[in-house]
Amino acid sequence: MKTHFSNRFIRALLALFVSITFAGTALADDETAATKIARAESAAPASISTDATIVDVDGTVLRQGSNGWTCLPGVPLIPGDKHPMCNDSVWSAWLAAVAAGEEFSTDTIGYSYMLQGDAMVHNHDPSATEPDDSGHWVQEGPHLMLLLPTTVSLAGMNADPYQPGPYVMWGETPLRHIMVPVGPREQ
């Protein structure tokens, strides 16, 4: 089953990523490649990140790897973000599809590590840009993210980030994935 992103949905999603700003998160122009590589490596266990390809948020390869994983010093869809992530090939394809506004589907599980936490986002609506008191905004601490095959139903899975254990993020959208917290949540 293919998933198609509507133009309205993609515009709203891109507006979210462009409008999210955090004090002190703009990438410094003088930030060294070594600093970016170290931050990118901190996203996953060393058994993954040590041999991963490191790619800057602008797509520049900072270090070629050998294990099929790609680590970034920030989320490339959020300008100025410094929450590093390490992705397998499925998550890398997901990011590329979202950035290009293209459809995405998978028949295999995808994995992404964000052991340094994540930006604050709305758990149900990826296009939401203004935090409110709805109880749906979450800034997750260290976590693993899972993409499941497009044909797998996530109906009945926990979608409340404030309940213990894994939860579904953006479950009613083509961007659905499972969040698996592995440490304390950002405060």
N, C-alpha and C. Protein backbone atom coordinates (compact mmCIF):
# COMPACT_ATOMS: atom_id res chain seq x y z
N MET A 1 0.84 -1.17 0.00
CA MET A 1 0.00 0.00 0.00
C MET A 1 0.88 1.24 0.00
N LYS A 2 0.72 2.09 -0.95
CA LYS A 2 1.48 3.34 -1.03
C LYS A 2 0.76 4.40 -0.20
N THR A 3 1.53 5.29 0.37
CA THR A 3 0.98 6.41 1.11
C THR A 3 1.28 7.66 0.31
N HIS A 4 0.26 8.52 0.12
CA HIS A 4 0.44 9.73 -0.67
C HIS A 4 0.29 10.94 0.24
N PHE A 5 1.22 11.85 0.15
CA PHE A 5 1.14 13.08 0.91
C PHE A 5 0.42 14.13 0.07
N SER A 6 -0.65 14.73 0.60
CA SER A 6 -1.33 15.80 -0.13
C SER A 6 -0.47 17.05 -0.07
N ASN A 7 -0.61 17.93 -1.05
CA ASN A 7 0.14 19.18 -1.06
C ASN A 7 -0.15 20.00 0.19
N ARG A 8 -1.41 20.03 0.63
CA ARG A 8 -1.79 20.77 1.82
C ARG A 8 -1.08 20.20 3.05
N PHE A 9 -1.05 18.88 3.15
CA PHE A 9 -0.41 18.23 4.28
C PHE A 9 1.09 18.54 4.30
N ILE A 10 1.74 18.45 3.15
CA ILE A 10 3.18 18.71 3.07
C ILE A 10 3.48 20.17 3.39
N ARG A 11 2.68 21.10 2.86
CA ARG A 11 2.90 22.52 3.17
C ARG A 11 2.77 22.76 4.67
N ALA A 12 1.77 22.15 5.29
CA ALA A 12 1.57 22.32 6.72
C ALA A 12 2.73 21.71 7.50
N LEU A 13 3.18 20.54 7.07
CA LEU A 13 4.31 19.89 7.74
C LEU A 13 5.57 20.73 7.62
N LEU A 14 5.86 21.21 6.44
CA LEU A 14 7.04 22.05 6.25
C LEU A 14 6.93 23.34 7.05
N ALA A 15 5.71 23.90 7.15
CA ALA A 15 5.51 25.10 7.97
C ALA A 15 5.85 24.81 9.43
N LEU A 16 5.48 23.62 9.90
CA LEU A 16 5.82 23.23 11.26
C LEU A 16 7.32 23.23 11.45
N PHE A 17 8.03 22.56 10.58
CA PHE A 17 9.47 22.43 10.74
C PHE A 17 10.17 23.77 10.61
N VAL A 18 9.68 24.65 9.75
CA VAL A 18 10.31 25.96 9.59
C VAL A 18 9.99 26.85 10.78
N SER A 19 8.79 26.72 11.34
CA SER A 19 8.39 27.64 12.41
C SER A 19 8.89 27.25 13.79
N ILE A 20 9.32 26.00 13.98
CA ILE A 20 9.83 25.59 15.29
C ILE A 20 11.19 26.24 15.51
N THR A 21 11.31 27.01 16.55
CA THR A 21 12.60 27.60 16.89
C THR A 21 12.86 27.39 18.37
N PHE A 22 14.10 27.20 18.71
CA PHE A 22 14.49 27.00 20.09
C PHE A 22 15.69 27.88 20.39
N ALA A 23 15.67 28.51 21.55
CA ALA A 23 16.78 29.37 21.95
C ALA A 23 18.07 28.57 21.96
N GLY A 24 19.09 29.12 21.31
CA GLY A 24 20.40 28.50 21.33
C GLY A 24 20.58 27.30 20.42
N THR A 25 19.63 27.01 19.51
CA THR A 25 19.78 25.81 18.70
C THR A 25 20.27 26.09 17.29
N ALA A 26 20.46 27.33 16.94
CA ALA A 26 20.96 27.61 15.59
C ALA A 26 22.37 27.08 15.46
N LEU A 27 22.65 26.40 14.36
CA LEU A 27 23.98 25.86 14.16
C LEU A 27 24.95 27.01 13.95
N ALA A 28 26.02 26.99 14.68
CA ALA A 28 27.03 28.04 14.56
C ALA A 28 27.75 27.90 13.23
N ASP A 29 27.98 29.04 12.57
CA ASP A 29 28.70 29.03 11.30
C ASP A 29 30.11 28.49 11.48
N ASP A 30 30.69 28.70 12.66
CA ASP A 30 32.06 28.28 12.89
C ASP A 30 32.15 26.92 13.58
N GLU A 31 31.05 26.22 13.68
CA GLU A 31 31.06 24.90 14.30
C GLU A 31 31.89 23.95 13.43
N THR A 32 32.81 23.25 14.04
CA THR A 32 33.72 22.40 13.28
C THR A 32 33.05 21.09 12.89
N ALA A 33 33.61 20.46 11.87
CA ALA A 33 33.13 19.15 11.45
C ALA A 33 33.28 18.16 12.60
N ALA A 34 34.37 18.26 13.35
CA ALA A 34 34.60 17.35 14.48
C ALA A 34 33.50 17.49 15.53
N THR A 35 33.06 18.72 15.80
CA THR A 35 31.99 18.95 16.77
C THR A 35 30.69 18.33 16.27
N LYS A 36 30.39 18.53 15.00
CA LYS A 36 29.17 17.97 14.42
C LYS A 36 29.22 16.44 14.42
N ILE A 37 30.37 15.88 14.10
CA ILE A 37 30.52 14.42 14.09
C ILE A 37 30.32 13.86 15.50
N ALA A 38 30.92 14.49 16.50
CA ALA A 38 30.77 14.03 17.88
C ALA A 38 29.30 14.08 18.32
N ARG A 39 28.60 15.16 17.98
CA ARG A 39 27.19 15.27 18.34
C ARG A 39 26.38 14.20 17.61
N ALA A 40 26.63 14.00 16.32
CA ALA A 40 25.91 12.99 15.55
C ALA A 40 26.14 11.60 16.14
N GLU A 41 27.38 11.30 16.51
CA GLU A 41 27.69 10.00 17.09
C GLU A 41 26.97 9.75 18.41
N SER A 42 26.64 10.83 19.14
CA SER A 42 25.99 10.68 20.44
C SER A 42 24.54 10.24 20.33
N ALA A 43 23.99 10.17 19.13
CA ALA A 43 22.60 9.81 18.94
C ALA A 43 22.33 8.33 19.14
N ALA A 44 23.35 7.49 18.99
CA ALA A 44 23.15 6.04 19.04
C ALA A 44 24.28 5.38 19.83
N PRO A 45 24.11 4.12 20.19
CA PRO A 45 25.21 3.41 20.84
C PRO A 45 26.44 3.42 19.94
N ALA A 46 27.61 3.42 20.56
CA ALA A 46 28.87 3.44 19.80
C ALA A 46 28.97 2.27 18.83
N SER A 47 28.35 1.15 19.16
CA SER A 47 28.39 -0.01 18.26
C SER A 47 27.76 0.31 16.91
N ILE A 48 26.92 1.33 16.85
CA ILE A 48 26.30 1.78 15.60
C ILE A 48 27.00 3.02 15.07
N SER A 49 27.15 4.03 15.92
CA SER A 49 27.60 5.34 15.43
C SER A 49 29.08 5.42 15.06
N THR A 50 29.91 4.58 15.64
CA THR A 50 31.36 4.63 15.36
C THR A 50 31.66 4.36 13.88
N ASP A 51 30.91 3.46 13.27
CA ASP A 51 31.14 3.12 11.86
C ASP A 51 30.06 3.65 10.93
N ALA A 52 29.22 4.56 11.42
CA ALA A 52 28.15 5.14 10.60
C ALA A 52 28.69 6.26 9.71
N THR A 53 27.99 6.48 8.62
CA THR A 53 28.26 7.67 7.80
C THR A 53 27.68 8.86 8.55
N ILE A 54 28.43 9.95 8.63
CA ILE A 54 27.95 11.16 9.29
C ILE A 54 27.65 12.19 8.20
N VAL A 55 26.41 12.66 8.19
CA VAL A 55 25.96 13.62 7.19
C VAL A 55 25.47 14.86 7.90
N ASP A 56 25.95 16.03 7.49
CA ASP A 56 25.50 17.29 8.07
C ASP A 56 24.05 17.52 7.64
N VAL A 57 23.36 18.43 8.32
CA VAL A 57 21.95 18.68 8.02
C VAL A 57 21.73 19.24 6.61
N ASP A 58 22.78 19.79 6.00
CA ASP A 58 22.66 20.29 4.63
C ASP A 58 22.96 19.22 3.59
N GLY A 59 23.26 17.99 4.05
CA GLY A 59 23.53 16.88 3.13
C GLY A 59 25.01 16.61 2.89
N THR A 60 25.89 17.46 3.40
CA THR A 60 27.32 17.26 3.23
C THR A 60 27.78 16.04 4.02
N VAL A 61 28.48 15.13 3.37
CA VAL A 61 29.03 13.97 4.07
C VAL A 61 30.26 14.43 4.84
N LEU A 62 30.21 14.30 6.16
CA LEU A 62 31.32 14.69 7.02
C LEU A 62 32.28 13.54 7.25
N ARG A 63 31.75 12.32 7.18
CA ARG A 63 32.59 11.13 7.33
C ARG A 63 31.88 9.96 6.67
N GLN A 64 32.57 9.26 5.82
CA GLN A 64 32.01 8.07 5.18
C GLN A 64 32.07 6.92 6.17
N GLY A 65 30.99 6.17 6.25
CA GLY A 65 30.93 5.03 7.15
C GLY A 65 30.91 3.71 6.39
N SER A 66 30.76 2.63 7.16
CA SER A 66 30.82 1.32 6.54
C SER A 66 29.72 0.36 7.00
N ASN A 67 28.80 0.80 7.86
CA ASN A 67 27.83 -0.15 8.41
C ASN A 67 26.38 0.06 7.94
N GLY A 68 26.13 0.98 7.02
CA GLY A 68 24.77 1.18 6.52
C GLY A 68 23.94 2.16 7.33
N TRP A 69 24.43 2.65 8.45
CA TRP A 69 23.72 3.64 9.26
C TRP A 69 24.19 5.03 8.88
N THR A 70 23.28 6.01 9.05
CA THR A 70 23.60 7.41 8.80
C THR A 70 23.23 8.21 10.03
N CYS A 71 24.18 8.96 10.56
CA CYS A 71 23.93 9.81 11.73
C CYS A 71 24.04 11.27 11.31
N LEU A 72 23.19 12.11 11.91
CA LEU A 72 23.16 13.54 11.61
C LEU A 72 23.27 14.32 12.91
N PRO A 73 23.89 15.52 12.87
CA PRO A 73 24.04 16.32 14.09
C PRO A 73 22.76 17.05 14.50
N GLY A 74 21.72 16.96 13.72
CA GLY A 74 20.43 17.57 14.01
C GLY A 74 19.39 17.00 13.06
N VAL A 75 18.12 17.25 13.36
CA VAL A 75 17.04 16.79 12.49
C VAL A 75 17.02 17.71 11.27
N PRO A 76 17.28 17.18 10.08
CA PRO A 76 17.41 18.04 8.90
C PRO A 76 16.12 18.75 8.49
N LEU A 77 14.98 18.29 8.98
CA LEU A 77 13.71 18.91 8.63
C LEU A 77 13.38 20.11 9.51
N ILE A 78 14.18 20.33 10.55
CA ILE A 78 13.93 21.44 11.48
C ILE A 78 15.14 22.36 11.46
N PRO A 79 15.03 23.51 10.80
CA PRO A 79 16.18 24.42 10.71
C PRO A 79 16.76 24.76 12.08
N GLY A 80 18.08 24.63 12.20
CA GLY A 80 18.77 24.97 13.43
C GLY A 80 18.72 23.91 14.52
N ASP A 81 18.07 22.80 14.28
CA ASP A 81 17.92 21.77 15.31
C ASP A 81 19.26 21.11 15.62
N LYS A 82 19.48 20.79 16.90
CA LYS A 82 20.70 20.12 17.33
C LYS A 82 20.41 18.81 18.05
N HIS A 83 19.29 18.19 17.76
CA HIS A 83 18.97 16.89 18.34
C HIS A 83 19.45 15.83 17.35
N PRO A 84 20.59 15.19 17.64
CA PRO A 84 21.16 14.26 16.67
C PRO A 84 20.33 12.99 16.53
N MET A 85 20.47 12.37 15.38
CA MET A 85 19.77 11.11 15.12
C MET A 85 20.64 10.20 14.28
N CYS A 86 20.45 8.88 14.47
CA CYS A 86 21.12 7.87 13.65
C CYS A 86 20.05 6.99 13.04
N ASN A 87 20.07 6.86 11.72
CA ASN A 87 19.01 6.18 10.99
C ASN A 87 19.53 5.02 10.16
N ASP A 88 18.72 3.97 10.10
CA ASP A 88 19.02 2.92 9.15
C ASP A 88 18.53 3.38 7.77
N SER A 89 18.65 2.55 6.77
CA SER A 89 18.29 2.96 5.40
C SER A 89 16.80 3.24 5.25
N VAL A 90 15.95 2.56 6.01
CA VAL A 90 14.50 2.79 5.92
C VAL A 90 14.15 4.18 6.44
N TRP A 91 14.70 4.54 7.61
CA TRP A 91 14.45 5.88 8.15
C TRP A 91 15.06 6.97 7.27
N SER A 92 16.20 6.70 6.70
CA SER A 92 16.81 7.67 5.79
C SER A 92 15.90 7.90 4.59
N ALA A 93 15.30 6.85 4.06
CA ALA A 93 14.35 6.98 2.94
C ALA A 93 13.10 7.74 3.37
N TRP A 94 12.63 7.50 4.60
CA TRP A 94 11.47 8.21 5.14
C TRP A 94 11.76 9.71 5.20
N LEU A 95 12.93 10.08 5.76
CA LEU A 95 13.30 11.50 5.85
C LEU A 95 13.38 12.14 4.47
N ALA A 96 13.97 11.45 3.52
CA ALA A 96 14.10 11.98 2.16
C ALA A 96 12.72 12.17 1.53
N ALA A 97 11.81 11.23 1.73
CA ALA A 97 10.47 11.35 1.17
C ALA A 97 9.71 12.53 1.79
N VAL A 98 9.80 12.68 3.10
CA VAL A 98 9.12 13.80 3.77
C VAL A 98 9.68 15.12 3.26
N ALA A 99 11.00 15.23 3.19
CA ALA A 99 11.63 16.48 2.73
C ALA A 99 11.23 16.82 1.31
N ALA A 100 11.05 15.81 0.46
CA ALA A 100 10.70 16.04 -0.94
C ALA A 100 9.19 16.10 -1.18
N GLY A 101 8.40 15.82 -0.14
CA GLY A 101 6.94 15.82 -0.30
C GLY A 101 6.46 14.64 -1.13
N GLU A 102 7.20 13.55 -1.08
CA GLU A 102 6.87 12.37 -1.86
C GLU A 102 6.20 11.31 -0.99
N GLU A 103 5.57 10.36 -1.63
CA GLU A 103 4.96 9.26 -0.89
C GLU A 103 6.04 8.33 -0.38
N PHE A 104 5.70 7.61 0.69
CA PHE A 104 6.64 6.67 1.29
C PHE A 104 5.89 5.42 1.68
N SER A 105 6.50 4.30 1.44
CA SER A 105 5.98 3.04 1.97
C SER A 105 7.16 2.12 2.21
N THR A 106 6.96 1.17 3.09
CA THR A 106 8.01 0.21 3.38
C THR A 106 7.40 -1.15 3.64
N ASP A 107 8.16 -2.18 3.35
CA ASP A 107 7.70 -3.53 3.66
C ASP A 107 8.59 -4.16 4.73
N THR A 108 9.41 -3.32 5.36
CA THR A 108 10.32 -3.79 6.41
C THR A 108 10.33 -2.78 7.56
N ILE A 109 10.87 -3.18 8.68
CA ILE A 109 10.96 -2.31 9.86
C ILE A 109 12.14 -1.36 9.70
N GLY A 110 11.95 -0.11 10.10
CA GLY A 110 13.02 0.89 10.09
C GLY A 110 13.31 1.33 11.51
N TYR A 111 14.59 1.67 11.77
CA TYR A 111 15.03 2.05 13.11
C TYR A 111 15.74 3.40 13.08
N SER A 112 15.48 4.21 14.11
CA SER A 112 16.18 5.47 14.28
C SER A 112 16.43 5.67 15.77
N TYR A 113 17.66 6.06 16.11
CA TYR A 113 18.02 6.38 17.49
C TYR A 113 18.10 7.88 17.65
N MET A 114 17.57 8.36 18.78
CA MET A 114 17.72 9.76 19.19
C MET A 114 18.01 9.75 20.70
N LEU A 115 19.20 9.32 21.06
CA LEU A 115 19.54 9.16 22.47
C LEU A 115 19.80 10.48 23.19
N GLN A 116 19.81 11.60 22.46
CA GLN A 116 19.94 12.92 23.07
C GLN A 116 18.61 13.64 23.14
N GLY A 117 17.52 12.96 22.83
CA GLY A 117 16.20 13.57 22.89
C GLY A 117 15.79 14.19 21.58
N ASP A 118 14.65 14.90 21.61
CA ASP A 118 14.03 15.42 20.41
C ASP A 118 13.41 16.78 20.68
N ALA A 119 13.02 17.46 19.62
CA ALA A 119 12.32 18.74 19.71
C ALA A 119 10.89 18.52 20.21
N MET A 120 10.26 19.58 20.69
CA MET A 120 8.87 19.49 21.11
C MET A 120 7.97 19.43 19.87
N VAL A 121 7.11 18.41 19.84
CA VAL A 121 6.19 18.25 18.72
C VAL A 121 4.82 17.82 19.24
N HIS A 122 3.81 18.00 18.41
CA HIS A 122 2.46 17.53 18.70
C HIS A 122 2.41 16.05 18.36
N ASN A 123 1.98 15.23 19.29
CA ASN A 123 2.02 13.78 19.07
C ASN A 123 1.04 13.29 18.01
N HIS A 124 -0.02 14.04 17.73
CA HIS A 124 -1.02 13.55 16.78
C HIS A 124 -1.04 14.32 15.47
N ASP A 125 -0.55 15.55 15.47
CA ASP A 125 -0.66 16.40 14.29
C ASP A 125 0.71 16.97 13.92
N PRO A 126 1.37 16.39 12.92
CA PRO A 126 2.70 16.87 12.55
C PRO A 126 2.71 18.28 11.97
N SER A 127 1.54 18.81 11.61
CA SER A 127 1.49 20.16 11.05
C SER A 127 1.22 21.22 12.12
N ALA A 128 0.97 20.82 13.37
CA ALA A 128 0.71 21.78 14.44
C ALA A 128 1.99 22.57 14.73
N THR A 129 1.85 23.88 14.86
CA THR A 129 3.02 24.74 15.05
C THR A 129 3.02 25.53 16.36
N GLU A 130 1.89 25.61 17.02
CA GLU A 130 1.79 26.42 18.23
C GLU A 130 1.49 25.54 19.44
N PRO A 131 2.47 25.32 20.32
CA PRO A 131 2.19 24.53 21.52
C PRO A 131 1.03 25.12 22.31
N ASP A 132 0.21 24.23 22.83
CA ASP A 132 -0.94 24.65 23.62
C ASP A 132 -1.06 23.70 24.81
N ASP A 133 -2.15 23.82 25.57
CA ASP A 133 -2.32 22.99 26.76
C ASP A 133 -3.20 21.77 26.49
N SER A 134 -3.21 21.28 25.26
CA SER A 134 -4.05 20.14 24.88
C SER A 134 -3.57 18.83 25.48
N GLY A 135 -2.34 18.79 25.97
CA GLY A 135 -1.79 17.56 26.49
C GLY A 135 -1.22 16.66 25.41
N HIS A 136 -1.16 17.16 24.16
CA HIS A 136 -0.66 16.36 23.04
C HIS A 136 0.76 16.74 22.64
N TRP A 137 1.32 17.78 23.26
CA TRP A 137 2.69 18.20 22.94
C TRP A 137 3.66 17.43 23.81
N VAL A 138 4.74 16.98 23.20
CA VAL A 138 5.72 16.19 23.94
C VAL A 138 7.12 16.52 23.44
N GLN A 139 8.04 16.63 24.38
CA GLN A 139 9.46 16.75 24.04
C GLN A 139 10.12 15.53 24.66
N GLU A 140 10.28 14.51 23.81
CA GLU A 140 10.78 13.22 24.29
C GLU A 140 12.26 13.29 24.61
N GLY A 141 12.65 12.57 25.64
CA GLY A 141 14.06 12.39 25.98
C GLY A 141 14.65 11.31 25.09
N PRO A 142 15.66 10.61 25.56
CA PRO A 142 16.29 9.57 24.76
C PRO A 142 15.25 8.54 24.30
N HIS A 143 15.30 8.19 23.01
CA HIS A 143 14.33 7.24 22.49
C HIS A 143 14.81 6.57 21.22
N LEU A 144 14.12 5.50 20.88
CA LEU A 144 14.28 4.77 19.64
C LEU A 144 12.97 4.96 18.88
N MET A 145 13.03 5.10 17.57
CA MET A 145 11.82 5.22 16.76
C MET A 145 11.77 4.05 15.79
N LEU A 146 10.56 3.53 15.58
CA LEU A 146 10.37 2.40 14.70
C LEU A 146 9.35 2.74 13.61
N LEU A 147 9.71 2.45 12.39
CA LEU A 147 8.76 2.48 11.28
C LEU A 147 8.37 1.03 11.03
N LEU A 148 7.09 0.77 10.94
CA LEU A 148 6.63 -0.58 10.64
C LEU A 148 6.20 -0.65 9.18
N PRO A 149 6.15 -1.86 8.62
CA PRO A 149 5.66 -1.96 7.25
C PRO A 149 4.32 -1.24 7.10
N THR A 150 4.15 -0.60 5.98
CA THR A 150 2.96 0.20 5.72
C THR A 150 1.68 -0.61 5.89
N THR A 151 1.73 -1.90 5.63
CA THR A 151 0.54 -2.75 5.72
C THR A 151 0.18 -3.13 7.15
N VAL A 152 1.05 -2.86 8.12
CA VAL A 152 0.78 -3.21 9.52
C VAL A 152 -0.10 -2.15 10.15
N SER A 153 -1.20 -2.58 10.74
CA SER A 153 -2.11 -1.67 11.42
C SER A 153 -1.56 -1.32 12.80
N LEU A 154 -1.67 -0.05 13.15
CA LEU A 154 -1.27 0.39 14.49
C LEU A 154 -2.50 0.65 15.36
N ALA A 155 -3.67 0.28 14.85
CA ALA A 155 -4.92 0.45 15.61
C ALA A 155 -4.82 -0.30 16.93
N GLY A 156 -5.26 0.36 17.98
CA GLY A 156 -5.27 -0.25 19.29
C GLY A 156 -3.98 -0.05 20.08
N MET A 157 -2.93 0.47 19.44
CA MET A 157 -1.69 0.73 20.17
C MET A 157 -1.82 2.04 20.94
N ASN A 158 -1.12 2.16 22.04
CA ASN A 158 -1.12 3.37 22.84
C ASN A 158 -0.67 4.57 22.00
N ALA A 159 -1.44 5.65 22.03
CA ALA A 159 -1.07 6.87 21.32
C ALA A 159 -0.89 8.04 22.29
N ASP A 160 -0.85 7.74 23.58
CA ASP A 160 -0.69 8.77 24.61
C ASP A 160 0.76 8.78 25.09
N PRO A 161 1.51 9.85 24.76
CA PRO A 161 2.91 9.89 25.15
C PRO A 161 3.12 9.97 26.66
N TYR A 162 2.07 10.24 27.41
CA TYR A 162 2.21 10.38 28.85
C TYR A 162 1.86 9.10 29.61
N GLN A 163 1.54 8.03 28.87
CA GLN A 163 1.37 6.71 29.47
C GLN A 163 2.72 5.99 29.40
N PRO A 164 3.01 5.14 30.36
CA PRO A 164 4.30 4.42 30.33
C PRO A 164 4.44 3.55 29.08
N GLY A 165 5.67 3.45 28.61
CA GLY A 165 5.97 2.55 27.51
C GLY A 165 5.91 3.19 26.14
N PRO A 166 6.07 2.37 25.10
CA PRO A 166 6.03 2.86 23.71
C PRO A 166 4.67 3.47 23.37
N TYR A 167 4.69 4.37 22.38
CA TYR A 167 3.44 4.98 21.92
C TYR A 167 3.57 5.33 20.44
N VAL A 168 2.41 5.48 19.81
CA VAL A 168 2.36 5.83 18.40
C VAL A 168 2.39 7.34 18.26
N MET A 169 3.25 7.85 17.40
CA MET A 169 3.28 9.27 17.06
C MET A 169 2.73 9.43 15.65
N TRP A 170 1.89 10.43 15.46
CA TRP A 170 1.33 10.80 14.16
C TRP A 170 0.60 9.61 13.51
N GLY A 171 -0.10 8.84 14.37
CA GLY A 171 -0.73 7.59 13.96
C GLY A 171 -1.77 7.68 12.87
N GLU A 172 -2.45 8.80 12.75
CA GLU A 172 -3.49 8.94 11.73
C GLU A 172 -2.96 9.62 10.47
N THR A 173 -1.65 9.66 10.31
CA THR A 173 -1.04 10.31 9.16
C THR A 173 -0.09 9.34 8.46
N PRO A 174 0.34 9.68 7.25
CA PRO A 174 1.33 8.85 6.55
C PRO A 174 2.70 8.85 7.22
N LEU A 175 2.90 9.70 8.24
CA LEU A 175 4.19 9.80 8.92
C LEU A 175 4.23 8.98 10.21
N ARG A 176 3.30 8.11 10.39
CA ARG A 176 3.16 7.34 11.63
C ARG A 176 4.42 6.54 11.96
N HIS A 177 4.71 6.48 13.25
CA HIS A 177 5.83 5.67 13.73
C HIS A 177 5.65 5.41 15.22
N ILE A 178 6.44 4.52 15.74
CA ILE A 178 6.37 4.17 17.16
C ILE A 178 7.57 4.78 17.88
N MET A 179 7.26 5.45 18.97
CA MET A 179 8.28 6.04 19.84
C MET A 179 8.52 5.07 21.01
N VAL A 180 9.79 4.77 21.27
CA VAL A 180 10.14 3.88 22.38
C VAL A 180 11.07 4.65 23.32
N PRO A 181 10.52 5.29 24.37
CA PRO A 181 11.38 6.02 25.31
C PRO A 181 12.36 5.07 26.01
N VAL A 182 13.60 5.52 26.16
CA VAL A 182 14.62 4.70 26.83
C VAL A 182 15.33 5.48 27.94
N GLY A 183 14.81 6.63 28.29
CA GLY A 183 15.40 7.45 29.35
C GLY A 183 14.43 8.53 29.76
N PRO A 184 14.84 9.39 30.70
CA PRO A 184 13.97 10.46 31.17
C PRO A 184 13.56 11.43 30.08
N ARG A 185 12.34 11.91 30.16
CA ARG A 185 11.80 12.87 29.21
C ARG A 185 12.39 14.25 29.47
N GLU A 186 12.52 15.04 28.39
CA GLU A 186 12.95 16.44 28.52
C GLU A 186 11.99 17.18 29.43
N GLN A 187 12.50 18.09 30.20
CA GLN A 187 11.65 18.91 31.10
C GLN A 187 11.64 20.34 30.65
